[in-house]
Amino acid sequence: MIVKFQSVATADIITFADVARVLLKILGKEPTARGVIVPEDMTEALARLAALCHKEGESAEAAPDSGVGVEAHELVALSQRVQPFIRMFDRAHLAGKPVTWTAAKDFYED
């Protein structure tokens, strides 16, 4: 399933539900069909994403075997996947605009 994140302050971001589910869990949000991150919550959201990037950066040297026949260095890390969201949240925060997401249905599990 596809999840679309939107803000009038930035371009849209479209991602798969599995990535959106993890992102929203980090942000303390539920993976519902529709939701919003208000400007007042952007500072905390950015701090949580920065902490994720820092944590993944520290453990990058000891990357485990993926178990799916792909070398760990070939996988796209979550810290890389959240970079567009960091930019989106930062721009939306500076503009004082919310970020919303929409999906065809709730996406708790596939």
PDB file of N, CA and C in Angstrom:
ATOM      1  N   MET A   1       0.844  -1.170   0.000  1.00  0.00           N
ATOM      2  CA  MET A   1       0.000   0.000   0.000  1.00  0.00           C
ATOM      3  C   MET A   1       0.896   1.242   0.000  1.00  0.00           C
ATOM      4  N   ILE A   2       0.391   2.278  -0.591  1.00  0.00           N
ATOM      5  CA  ILE A   2       1.088   3.552  -0.714  1.00  0.00           C
ATOM      6  C   ILE A   2       0.565   4.530   0.340  1.00  0.00           C
ATOM      7  N   VAL A   3       1.493   5.291   0.931  1.00  0.00           N
ATOM      8  CA  VAL A   3       1.130   6.343   1.884  1.00  0.00           C
ATOM      9  C   VAL A   3       1.718   7.644   1.356  1.00  0.00           C
ATOM     10  N   LYS A   4       0.888   8.682   1.328  1.00  0.00           N
ATOM     11  CA  LYS A   4       1.335   9.977   0.822  1.00  0.00           C
ATOM     12  C   LYS A   4       1.395  10.984   1.973  1.00  0.00           C
ATOM     13  N   PHE A   5       2.574  11.598   2.128  1.00  0.00           N
ATOM     14  CA  PHE A   5       2.774  12.663   3.101  1.00  0.00           C
ATOM     15  C   PHE A   5       2.755  13.983   2.343  1.00  0.00           C
ATOM     16  N   GLN A   6       2.011  14.967   2.887  1.00  0.00           N
ATOM     17  CA  GLN A   6       1.853  16.239   2.196  1.00  0.00           C
ATOM     18  C   GLN A   6       1.955  17.408   3.168  1.00  0.00           C
ATOM     19  N   SER A   7       2.472  18.509   2.644  1.00  0.00           N
ATOM     20  CA  SER A   7       2.458  19.786   3.349  1.00  0.00           C
ATOM     21  C   SER A   7       2.468  20.876   2.284  1.00  0.00           C
ATOM     22  N   VAL A   8       1.784  21.969   2.558  1.00  0.00           N
ATOM     23  CA  VAL A   8       1.797  23.073   1.600  1.00  0.00           C
ATOM     24  C   VAL A   8       3.171  23.739   1.554  1.00  0.00           C
ATOM     25  N   ALA A   9       4.022  23.425   2.514  1.00  0.00           N
ATOM     26  CA  ALA A   9       5.360  24.023   2.569  1.00  0.00           C
ATOM     27  C   ALA A   9       6.383  23.269   1.730  1.00  0.00           C
ATOM     28  N   THR A  10       6.053  22.051   1.266  1.00  0.00           N
ATOM     29  CA  THR A  10       7.023  21.218   0.549  1.00  0.00           C
ATOM     30  C   THR A  10       6.335  20.383  -0.521  1.00  0.00           C
ATOM     31  N   ALA A  11       7.151  19.662  -1.249  1.00  0.00           N
ATOM     32  CA  ALA A  11       6.630  18.679  -2.203  1.00  0.00           C
ATOM     33  C   ALA A  11       6.133  17.459  -1.431  1.00  0.00           C
ATOM     34  N   ASP A  12       5.282  16.671  -2.068  1.00  0.00           N
ATOM     35  CA  ASP A  12       4.759  15.451  -1.461  1.00  0.00           C
ATOM     36  C   ASP A  12       5.851  14.390  -1.376  1.00  0.00           C
ATOM     37  N   ILE A  13       5.687  13.490  -0.415  1.00  0.00           N
ATOM     38  CA  ILE A  13       6.528  12.297  -0.318  1.00  0.00           C
ATOM     39  C   ILE A  13       5.602  11.099  -0.359  1.00  0.00           C
ATOM     40  N   ILE A  14       5.893  10.167  -1.254  1.00  0.00           N
ATOM     41  CA  ILE A  14       5.098   8.953  -1.384  1.00  0.00           C
ATOM     42  C   ILE A  14       6.003   7.779  -1.008  1.00  0.00           C
ATOM     43  N   THR A  15       5.498   6.924  -0.132  1.00  0.00           N
ATOM     44  CA  THR A  15       6.292   5.797   0.333  1.00  0.00           C
ATOM     45  C   THR A  15       5.389   4.584   0.541  1.00  0.00           C
ATOM     46  N   PHE A  16       6.005   3.438   0.730  1.00  0.00           N
ATOM     47  CA  PHE A  16       5.255   2.226   1.021  1.00  0.00           C
ATOM     48  C   PHE A  16       4.850   2.207   2.492  1.00  0.00           C
ATOM     49  N   ALA A  17       3.788   1.474   2.785  1.00  0.00           N
ATOM     50  CA  ALA A  17       3.227   1.439   4.132  1.00  0.00           C
ATOM     51  C   ALA A  17       4.224   0.922   5.166  1.00  0.00           C
ATOM     52  N   ASP A  18       5.091  -0.029   4.803  1.00  0.00           N
ATOM     53  CA  ASP A  18       6.026  -0.560   5.799  1.00  0.00           C
ATOM     54  C   ASP A  18       6.996   0.514   6.284  1.00  0.00           C
ATOM     55  N   VAL A  19       7.466   1.361   5.387  1.00  0.00           N
ATOM     56  CA  VAL A  19       8.360   2.454   5.771  1.00  0.00           C
ATOM     57  C   VAL A  19       7.583   3.506   6.560  1.00  0.00           C
ATOM     58  N   ALA A  20       6.388   3.847   6.096  1.00  0.00           N
ATOM     59  CA  ALA A  20       5.564   4.839   6.790  1.00  0.00           C
ATOM     60  C   ALA A  20       5.201   4.363   8.196  1.00  0.00           C
ATOM     61  N   ARG A  21       4.929   3.074   8.352  1.00  0.00           N
ATOM     62  CA  ARG A  21       4.570   2.508   9.657  1.00  0.00           C
ATOM     63  C   ARG A  21       5.714   2.694  10.651  1.00  0.00           C
ATOM     64  N   VAL A  22       6.921   2.384  10.227  1.00  0.00           N
ATOM     65  CA  VAL A  22       8.088   2.541  11.101  1.00  0.00           C
ATOM     66  C   VAL A  22       8.318   4.014  11.421  1.00  0.00           C
ATOM     67  N   LEU A  23       8.225   4.870  10.426  1.00  0.00           N
ATOM     68  CA  LEU A  23       8.413   6.309  10.635  1.00  0.00           C
ATOM     69  C   LEU A  23       7.405   6.838  11.652  1.00  0.00           C
ATOM     70  N   LEU A  24       6.142   6.487  11.480  1.00  0.00           N
ATOM     71  CA  LEU A  24       5.111   6.981  12.393  1.00  0.00           C
ATOM     72  C   LEU A  24       5.289   6.423  13.800  1.00  0.00           C
ATOM     73  N   LYS A  25       5.742   5.176  13.905  1.00  0.00           N
ATOM     74  CA  LYS A  25       6.007   4.594  15.229  1.00  0.00           C
ATOM     75  C   LYS A  25       7.100   5.402  15.937  1.00  0.00           C
ATOM     76  N   ILE A  26       8.144   5.761  15.223  1.00  0.00           N
ATOM     77  CA  ILE A  26       9.224   6.576  15.791  1.00  0.00           C
ATOM     78  C   ILE A  26       8.679   7.915  16.273  1.00  0.00           C
ATOM     79  N   LEU A  27       7.727   8.460  15.532  1.00  0.00           N
ATOM     80  CA  LEU A  27       7.156   9.760  15.869  1.00  0.00           C
ATOM     81  C   LEU A  27       6.044   9.674  16.916  1.00  0.00           C
ATOM     82  N   GLY A  28       5.702   8.453  17.329  1.00  0.00           N
ATOM     83  CA  GLY A  28       4.656   8.282  18.327  1.00  0.00           C
ATOM     84  C   GLY A  28       3.259   8.430  17.759  1.00  0.00           C
ATOM     85  N   LYS A  29       3.107   8.184  16.477  1.00  0.00           N
ATOM     86  CA  LYS A  29       1.803   8.293  15.800  1.00  0.00           C
ATOM     87  C   LYS A  29       1.307   6.911  15.400  1.00  0.00           C
ATOM     88  N   GLU A  30       0.013   6.788  15.249  1.00  0.00           N
ATOM     89  CA  GLU A  30      -0.611   5.540  14.810  1.00  0.00           C
ATOM     90  C   GLU A  30      -0.682   5.502  13.282  1.00  0.00           C
ATOM     91  N   PRO A  31      -0.473   4.347  12.669  1.00  0.00           N
ATOM     92  CA  PRO A  31      -0.547   4.228  11.204  1.00  0.00           C
ATOM     93  C   PRO A  31      -1.986   4.115  10.709  1.00  0.00           C
ATOM     94  N   THR A  32      -2.703   5.197  10.841  1.00  0.00           N
ATOM     95  CA  THR A  32      -4.098   5.251  10.412  1.00  0.00           C
ATOM     96  C   THR A  32      -4.178   5.760   8.980  1.00  0.00           C
ATOM     97  N   ALA A  33      -5.344   5.650   8.388  1.00  0.00           N
ATOM     98  CA  ALA A  33      -5.520   6.062   6.997  1.00  0.00           C
ATOM     99  C   ALA A  33      -5.264   7.551   6.798  1.00  0.00           C
ATOM    100  N   ARG A  34      -5.526   8.352   7.815  1.00  0.00           N
ATOM    101  CA  ARG A  34      -5.284   9.794   7.744  1.00  0.00           C
ATOM    102  C   ARG A  34      -4.711  10.261   9.065  1.00  0.00           C
ATOM    103  N   GLY A  35      -3.821  11.226   8.988  1.00  0.00           N
ATOM    104  CA  GLY A  35      -3.255  11.769  10.208  1.00  0.00           C
ATOM    105  C   GLY A  35      -2.558  13.085   9.943  1.00  0.00           C
ATOM    106  N   VAL A  36      -2.120  13.718  11.027  1.00  0.00           N
ATOM    107  CA  VAL A  36      -1.479  15.022  10.906  1.00  0.00           C
ATOM    108  C   VAL A  36      -0.377  15.154  11.956  1.00  0.00           C
ATOM    109  N   ILE A  37       0.668  15.828  11.557  1.00  0.00           N
ATOM    110  CA  ILE A  37       1.727  16.240  12.469  1.00  0.00           C
ATOM    111  C   ILE A  37       1.687  17.762  12.447  1.00  0.00           C
ATOM    112  N   VAL A  38       1.307  18.348  13.568  1.00  0.00           N
ATOM    113  CA  VAL A  38       1.143  19.801  13.640  1.00  0.00           C
ATOM    114  C   VAL A  38       2.488  20.480  13.856  1.00  0.00           C
ATOM    115  N   PRO A  39       2.605  21.755  13.480  1.00  0.00           N
ATOM    116  CA  PRO A  39       3.884  22.461  13.621  1.00  0.00           C
ATOM    117  C   PRO A  39       4.462  22.420  15.035  1.00  0.00           C
ATOM    118  N   GLU A  40       3.591  22.414  16.041  1.00  0.00           N
ATOM    119  CA  GLU A  40       4.063  22.366  17.423  1.00  0.00           C
ATOM    120  C   GLU A  40       4.783  21.062  17.750  1.00  0.00           C
ATOM    121  N   ASP A  41       4.518  19.991  16.992  1.00  0.00           N
ATOM    122  CA  ASP A  41       5.154  18.692  17.221  1.00  0.00           C
ATOM    123  C   ASP A  41       6.394  18.465  16.357  1.00  0.00           C
ATOM    124  N   MET A  42       6.693  19.399  15.463  1.00  0.00           N
ATOM    125  CA  MET A  42       7.806  19.217  14.525  1.00  0.00           C
ATOM    126  C   MET A  42       9.168  19.169  15.219  1.00  0.00           C
ATOM    127  N   THR A  43       9.369  19.971  16.250  1.00  0.00           N
ATOM    128  CA  THR A  43      10.663  19.981  16.938  1.00  0.00           C
ATOM    129  C   THR A  43      10.960  18.607  17.516  1.00  0.00           C
ATOM    130  N   GLU A  44       9.968  18.014  18.184  1.00  0.00           N
ATOM    131  CA  GLU A  44      10.160  16.677  18.747  1.00  0.00           C
ATOM    132  C   GLU A  44      10.336  15.640  17.638  1.00  0.00           C
ATOM    133  N   ALA A  45       9.568  15.758  16.565  1.00  0.00           N
ATOM    134  CA  ALA A  45       9.692  14.815  15.449  1.00  0.00           C
ATOM    135  C   ALA A  45      11.098  14.872  14.862  1.00  0.00           C
ATOM    136  N   LEU A  46      11.610  16.074  14.657  1.00  0.00           N
ATOM    137  CA  LEU A  46      12.959  16.222  14.114  1.00  0.00           C
ATOM    138  C   LEU A  46      14.003  15.662  15.070  1.00  0.00           C
ATOM    139  N   ALA A  47      13.817  15.858  16.365  1.00  0.00           N
ATOM    140  CA  ALA A  47      14.762  15.325  17.357  1.00  0.00           C
ATOM    141  C   ALA A  47      14.757  13.800  17.340  1.00  0.00           C
ATOM    142  N   ARG A  48      13.583  13.201  17.225  1.00  0.00           N
ATOM    143  CA  ARG A  48      13.500  11.738  17.190  1.00  0.00           C
ATOM    144  C   ARG A  48      14.173  11.175  15.935  1.00  0.00           C
ATOM    145  N   LEU A  49      13.967  11.829  14.798  1.00  0.00           N
ATOM    146  CA  LEU A  49      14.597  11.360  13.559  1.00  0.00           C
ATOM    147  C   LEU A  49      16.109  11.557  13.602  1.00  0.00           C
ATOM    148  N   ALA A  50      16.559  12.652  14.186  1.00  0.00           N
ATOM    149  CA  ALA A  50      18.004  12.881  14.330  1.00  0.00           C
ATOM    150  C   ALA A  50      18.630  11.827  15.241  1.00  0.00           C
ATOM    151  N   ALA A  51      17.922  11.465  16.308  1.00  0.00           N
ATOM    152  CA  ALA A  51      18.417  10.423  17.217  1.00  0.00           C
ATOM    153  C   ALA A  51      18.528   9.085  16.495  1.00  0.00           C
ATOM    154  N   LEU A  52      17.543   8.771  15.657  1.00  0.00           N
ATOM    155  CA  LEU A  52      17.583   7.542  14.864  1.00  0.00           C
ATOM    156  C   LEU A  52      18.812   7.529  13.967  1.00  0.00           C
ATOM    157  N   CYS A  53      19.052   8.636  13.274  1.00  0.00           N
ATOM    158  CA  CYS A  53      20.198   8.726  12.362  1.00  0.00           C
ATOM    159  C   CYS A  53      21.508   8.576  13.125  1.00  0.00           C
ATOM    160  N   HIS A  54      21.581   9.192  14.290  1.00  0.00           N
ATOM    161  CA  HIS A  54      22.790   9.103  15.109  1.00  0.00           C
ATOM    162  C   HIS A  54      23.022   7.667  15.570  1.00  0.00           C
ATOM    163  N   LYS A  55      21.958   7.019  16.036  1.00  0.00           N
ATOM    164  CA  LYS A  55      22.053   5.639  16.521  1.00  0.00           C
ATOM    165  C   LYS A  55      22.475   4.691  15.399  1.00  0.00           C
ATOM    166  N   GLU A  56      21.862   4.832  14.223  1.00  0.00           N
ATOM    167  CA  GLU A  56      22.223   3.970  13.090  1.00  0.00           C
ATOM    168  C   GLU A  56      23.645   4.246  12.635  1.00  0.00           C
ATOM    169  N   GLY A  57      24.087   5.494  12.707  1.00  0.00           N
ATOM    170  CA  GLY A  57      25.446   5.843  12.315  1.00  0.00           C
ATOM    171  C   GLY A  57      26.477   5.181  13.198  1.00  0.00           C
ATOM    172  N   GLU A  58      26.179   5.052  14.493  1.00  0.00           N
ATOM    173  CA  GLU A  58      27.094   4.413  15.431  1.00  0.00           C
ATOM    174  C   GLU A  58      27.213   2.920  15.196  1.00  0.00           C
ATOM    175  N   SER A  59      26.133   2.290  14.743  1.00  0.00           N
ATOM    176  CA  SER A  59      26.151   0.836  14.561  1.00  0.00           C
ATOM    177  C   SER A  59      26.407   0.419  13.113  1.00  0.00           C
ATOM    178  N   ALA A  60      26.732   1.355  12.242  1.00  0.00           N
ATOM    179  CA  ALA A  60      26.918   1.029  10.820  1.00  0.00           C
ATOM    180  C   ALA A  60      28.094   0.094  10.588  1.00  0.00           C
ATOM    181  N   GLU A  61      29.125   0.211  11.405  1.00  0.00           N
ATOM    182  CA  GLU A  61      30.303  -0.631  11.202  1.00  0.00           C
ATOM    183  C   GLU A  61      30.009  -2.100  11.485  1.00  0.00           C
ATOM    184  N   ALA A  62      29.088  -2.371  12.384  1.00  0.00           N
ATOM    185  CA  ALA A  62      28.786  -3.740  12.791  1.00  0.00           C
ATOM    186  C   ALA A  62      27.454  -4.201  12.202  1.00  0.00           C
ATOM    187  N   ALA A  63      27.228  -3.913  10.928  1.00  0.00           N
ATOM    188  CA  ALA A  63      25.964  -4.273  10.293  1.00  0.00           C
ATOM    189  C   ALA A  63      25.838  -5.791  10.183  1.00  0.00           C
ATOM    190  N   PRO A  64      24.746  -6.355  10.675  1.00  0.00           N
ATOM    191  CA  PRO A  64      24.546  -7.797  10.625  1.00  0.00           C
ATOM    192  C   PRO A  64      24.167  -8.269   9.225  1.00  0.00           C
ATOM    193  N   ASP A  65      24.279  -9.577   9.024  1.00  0.00           N
ATOM    194  CA  ASP A  65      23.835 -10.182   7.777  1.00  0.00           C
ATOM    195  C   ASP A  65      22.329  -9.967   7.653  1.00  0.00           C
ATOM    196  N   SER A  66      21.874  -9.541   6.479  1.00  0.00           N
ATOM    197  CA  SER A  66      20.457  -9.222   6.286  1.00  0.00           C
ATOM    198  C   SER A  66      19.574 -10.465   6.317  1.00  0.00           C
ATOM    199  N   GLY A  67      20.136 -11.613   5.967  1.00  0.00           N
ATOM    200  CA  GLY A  67      19.351 -12.836   5.951  1.00  0.00           C
ATOM    201  C   GLY A  67      18.452 -12.981   4.743  1.00  0.00           C
ATOM    202  N   VAL A  68      18.545 -12.073   3.778  1.00  0.00           N
ATOM    203  CA  VAL A  68      17.689 -12.151   2.594  1.00  0.00           C
ATOM    204  C   VAL A  68      18.508 -12.272   1.313  1.00  0.00           C
ATOM    205  N   GLY A  69      19.764 -12.655   1.438  1.00  0.00           N
ATOM    206  CA  GLY A  69      20.591 -12.818   0.259  1.00  0.00           C
ATOM    207  C   GLY A  69      21.143 -11.519  -0.297  1.00  0.00           C
ATOM    208  N   VAL A  70      21.086 -10.466   0.484  1.00  0.00           N
ATOM    209  CA  VAL A  70      21.604  -9.169   0.079  1.00  0.00           C
ATOM    210  C   VAL A  70      22.618  -8.742   1.122  1.00  0.00           C
ATOM    211  N   GLU A  71      23.752  -8.269   0.672  1.00  0.00           N
ATOM    212  CA  GLU A  71      24.758  -7.787   1.612  1.00  0.00           C
ATOM    213  C   GLU A  71      24.224  -6.592   2.383  1.00  0.00           C
ATOM    214  N   ALA A  72      24.611  -6.471   3.645  1.00  0.00           N
ATOM    215  CA  ALA A  72      24.108  -5.394   4.495  1.00  0.00           C
ATOM    216  C   ALA A  72      24.409  -4.020   3.904  1.00  0.00           C
ATOM    217  N   HIS A  73      25.560  -3.866   3.251  1.00  0.00           N
ATOM    218  CA  HIS A  73      25.908  -2.559   2.687  1.00  0.00           C
ATOM    219  C   HIS A  73      25.050  -2.203   1.471  1.00  0.00           C
ATOM    220  N   GLU A  74      24.302  -3.177   0.920  1.00  0.00           N
ATOM    221  CA  GLU A  74      23.430  -2.918  -0.214  1.00  0.00           C
ATOM    222  C   GLU A  74      22.015  -2.516   0.212  1.00  0.00           C
ATOM    223  N   LEU A  75      21.704  -2.681   1.486  1.00  0.00           N
ATOM    224  CA  LEU A  75      20.377  -2.327   1.980  1.00  0.00           C
ATOM    225  C   LEU A  75      20.284  -0.820   2.197  1.00  0.00           C
ATOM    226  N   VAL A  76      19.098  -0.282   2.044  1.00  0.00           N
ATOM    227  CA  VAL A  76      18.871   1.132   2.305  1.00  0.00           C
ATOM    228  C   VAL A  76      18.472   1.261   3.770  1.00  0.00           C
ATOM    229  N   ALA A  77      19.304   1.932   4.538  1.00  0.00           N
ATOM    230  CA  ALA A  77      19.052   2.087   5.969  1.00  0.00           C
ATOM    231  C   ALA A  77      17.882   3.025   6.213  1.00  0.00           C
ATOM    232  N   LEU A  78      17.219   2.825   7.334  1.00  0.00           N
ATOM    233  CA  LEU A  78      16.109   3.700   7.694  1.00  0.00           C
ATOM    234  C   LEU A  78      16.591   5.143   7.836  1.00  0.00           C
ATOM    235  N   SER A  79      17.800   5.324   8.327  1.00  0.00           N
ATOM    236  CA  SER A  79      18.330   6.685   8.467  1.00  0.00           C
ATOM    237  C   SER A  79      18.461   7.378   7.111  1.00  0.00           C
ATOM    238  N   GLN A  80      18.639   6.616   6.048  1.00  0.00           N
ATOM    239  CA  GLN A  80      18.660   7.193   4.704  1.00  0.00           C
ATOM    240  C   GLN A  80      17.240   7.465   4.215  1.00  0.00           C
ATOM    241  N   ARG A  81      16.332   6.562   4.528  1.00  0.00           N
ATOM    242  CA  ARG A  81      14.946   6.715   4.082  1.00  0.00           C
ATOM    243  C   ARG A  81      14.249   7.915   4.723  1.00  0.00           C
ATOM    244  N   VAL A  82      14.658   8.290   5.936  1.00  0.00           N
ATOM    245  CA  VAL A  82      13.984   9.397   6.621  1.00  0.00           C
ATOM    246  C   VAL A  82      14.526  10.771   6.228  1.00  0.00           C
ATOM    247  N   GLN A  83      15.591  10.837   5.446  1.00  0.00           N
ATOM    248  CA  GLN A  83      16.155  12.131   5.080  1.00  0.00           C
ATOM    249  C   GLN A  83      15.146  13.059   4.393  1.00  0.00           C
ATOM    250  N   PRO A  84      14.351  12.583   3.443  1.00  0.00           N
ATOM    251  CA  PRO A  84      13.337  13.475   2.849  1.00  0.00           C
ATOM    252  C   PRO A  84      12.307  13.957   3.879  1.00  0.00           C
ATOM    253  N   PHE A  85      11.993  13.107   4.852  1.00  0.00           N
ATOM    254  CA  PHE A  85      11.041  13.496   5.890  1.00  0.00           C
ATOM    255  C   PHE A  85      11.640  14.558   6.812  1.00  0.00           C
ATOM    256  N   ILE A  86      12.917  14.434   7.100  1.00  0.00           N
ATOM    257  CA  ILE A  86      13.591  15.449   7.915  1.00  0.00           C
ATOM    258  C   ILE A  86      13.505  16.799   7.220  1.00  0.00           C
ATOM    259  N   ARG A  87      13.783  16.810   5.916  1.00  0.00           N
ATOM    260  CA  ARG A  87      13.687  18.072   5.166  1.00  0.00           C
ATOM    261  C   ARG A  87      12.243  18.586   5.140  1.00  0.00           C
ATOM    262  N   MET A  88      11.290  17.678   4.939  1.00  0.00           N
ATOM    263  CA  MET A  88       9.878  18.072   4.905  1.00  0.00           C
ATOM    264  C   MET A  88       9.458  18.682   6.237  1.00  0.00           C
ATOM    265  N   PHE A  89       9.753  17.998   7.338  1.00  0.00           N
ATOM    266  CA  PHE A  89       9.351  18.487   8.653  1.00  0.00           C
ATOM    267  C   PHE A  89      10.037  19.808   8.987  1.00  0.00           C
ATOM    268  N   ASP A  90      11.294  19.934   8.604  1.00  0.00           N
ATOM    269  CA  ASP A  90      12.025  21.175   8.877  1.00  0.00           C
ATOM    270  C   ASP A  90      11.387  22.349   8.129  1.00  0.00           C
ATOM    271  N   ARG A  91      11.103  22.159   6.855  1.00  0.00           N
ATOM    272  CA  ARG A  91      10.488  23.237   6.056  1.00  0.00           C
ATOM    273  C   ARG A  91       9.070  23.552   6.528  1.00  0.00           C
ATOM    274  N   ALA A  92       8.308  22.521   6.869  1.00  0.00           N
ATOM    275  CA  ALA A  92       6.950  22.739   7.359  1.00  0.00           C
ATOM    276  C   ALA A  92       6.986  23.475   8.693  1.00  0.00           C
ATOM    277  N   HIS A  93       7.932  23.111   9.544  1.00  0.00           N
ATOM    278  CA  HIS A  93       8.069  23.780  10.840  1.00  0.00           C
ATOM    279  C   HIS A  93       8.414  25.255  10.653  1.00  0.00           C
ATOM    280  N   LEU A  94       9.361  25.533   9.773  1.00  0.00           N
ATOM    281  CA  LEU A  94       9.747  26.927   9.519  1.00  0.00           C
ATOM    282  C   LEU A  94       8.582  27.745   8.948  1.00  0.00           C
ATOM    283  N   ALA A  95       7.742  27.100   8.152  1.00  0.00           N
ATOM    284  CA  ALA A  95       6.597  27.782   7.547  1.00  0.00           C
ATOM    285  C   ALA A  95       5.370  27.785   8.464  1.00  0.00           C
ATOM    286  N   GLY A  96       5.441  27.027   9.564  1.00  0.00           N
ATOM    287  CA  GLY A  96       4.289  26.952  10.457  1.00  0.00           C
ATOM    288  C   GLY A  96       3.119  26.184   9.879  1.00  0.00           C
ATOM    289  N   LYS A  97       3.416  25.197   9.038  1.00  0.00           N
ATOM    290  CA  LYS A  97       2.375  24.412   8.358  1.00  0.00           C
ATOM    291  C   LYS A  97       2.416  22.956   8.822  1.00  0.00           C
ATOM    292  N   PRO A  98       1.271  22.280   8.870  1.00  0.00           N
ATOM    293  CA  PRO A  98       1.248  20.869   9.256  1.00  0.00           C
ATOM    294  C   PRO A  98       1.696  19.953   8.120  1.00  0.00           C
ATOM    295  N   VAL A  99       2.013  18.726   8.490  1.00  0.00           N
ATOM    296  CA  VAL A  99       2.256  17.646   7.531  1.00  0.00           C
ATOM    297  C   VAL A  99       1.140  16.636   7.753  1.00  0.00           C
ATOM    298  N   THR A 100       0.489  16.242   6.690  1.00  0.00           N
ATOM    299  CA  THR A 100      -0.576  15.241   6.778  1.00  0.00           C
ATOM    300  C   THR A 100      -0.161  13.994   6.016  1.00  0.00           C
ATOM    301  N   TRP A 101      -0.800  12.883   6.347  1.00  0.00           N
ATOM    302  CA  TRP A 101      -0.597  11.677   5.544  1.00  0.00           C
ATOM    303  C   TRP A 101      -1.940  11.053   5.246  1.00  0.00           C
ATOM    304  N   THR A 102      -1.993  10.376   4.100  1.00  0.00           N
ATOM    305  CA  THR A 102      -3.202   9.667   3.683  1.00  0.00           C
ATOM    306  C   THR A 102      -2.810   8.321   3.092  1.00  0.00           C
ATOM    307  N   ALA A 103      -3.671   7.351   3.322  1.00  0.00           N
ATOM    308  CA  ALA A 103      -3.504   6.013   2.750  1.00  0.00           C
ATOM    309  C   ALA A 103      -4.905   5.477   2.446  1.00  0.00           C
ATOM    310  N   ALA A 104      -4.966   4.400   1.711  1.00  0.00           N
ATOM    311  CA  ALA A 104      -6.256   3.833   1.336  1.00  0.00           C
ATOM    312  C   ALA A 104      -7.017   3.303   2.556  1.00  0.00           C
ATOM    313  N   LYS A 105      -6.277   2.864   3.594  1.00  0.00           N
ATOM    314  CA  LYS A 105      -6.876   2.351   4.821  1.00  0.00           C
ATOM    315  C   LYS A 105      -5.818   2.374   5.909  1.00  0.00           C
ATOM    316  N   ASP A 106      -6.202   2.045   7.128  1.00  0.00           N
ATOM    317  CA  ASP A 106      -5.226   1.919   8.209  1.00  0.00           C
ATOM    318  C   ASP A 106      -4.189   0.873   7.806  1.00  0.00           C
ATOM    319  N   PHE A 107      -2.960   1.066   8.208  1.00  0.00           N
ATOM    320  CA  PHE A 107      -1.904   0.148   7.790  1.00  0.00           C
ATOM    321  C   PHE A 107      -1.068  -0.342   8.972  1.00  0.00           C
ATOM    322  N   TYR A 108      -1.770  -0.839   9.998  1.00  0.00           N
ATOM    323  CA  TYR A 108      -1.108  -1.402  11.165  1.00  0.00           C
ATOM    324  C   TYR A 108      -0.234  -2.590  10.783  1.00  0.00           C
ATOM    325  N   GLU A 109      -0.743  -3.455   9.974  1.00  0.00           N
ATOM    326  CA  GLU A 109      -0.006  -4.630   9.478  1.00  0.00           C
ATOM    327  C   GLU A 109      -0.406  -4.866   8.034  1.00  0.00           C
ATOM    328  N   ASP A 110       0.512  -5.449   7.277  1.00  0.00           N
ATOM    329  CA  ASP A 110       0.199  -5.795   5.882  1.00  0.00           C
ATOM    330  C   ASP A 110      -0.571  -7.078   5.811  1.00  0.00           C
TER     331      ASP A 110
END
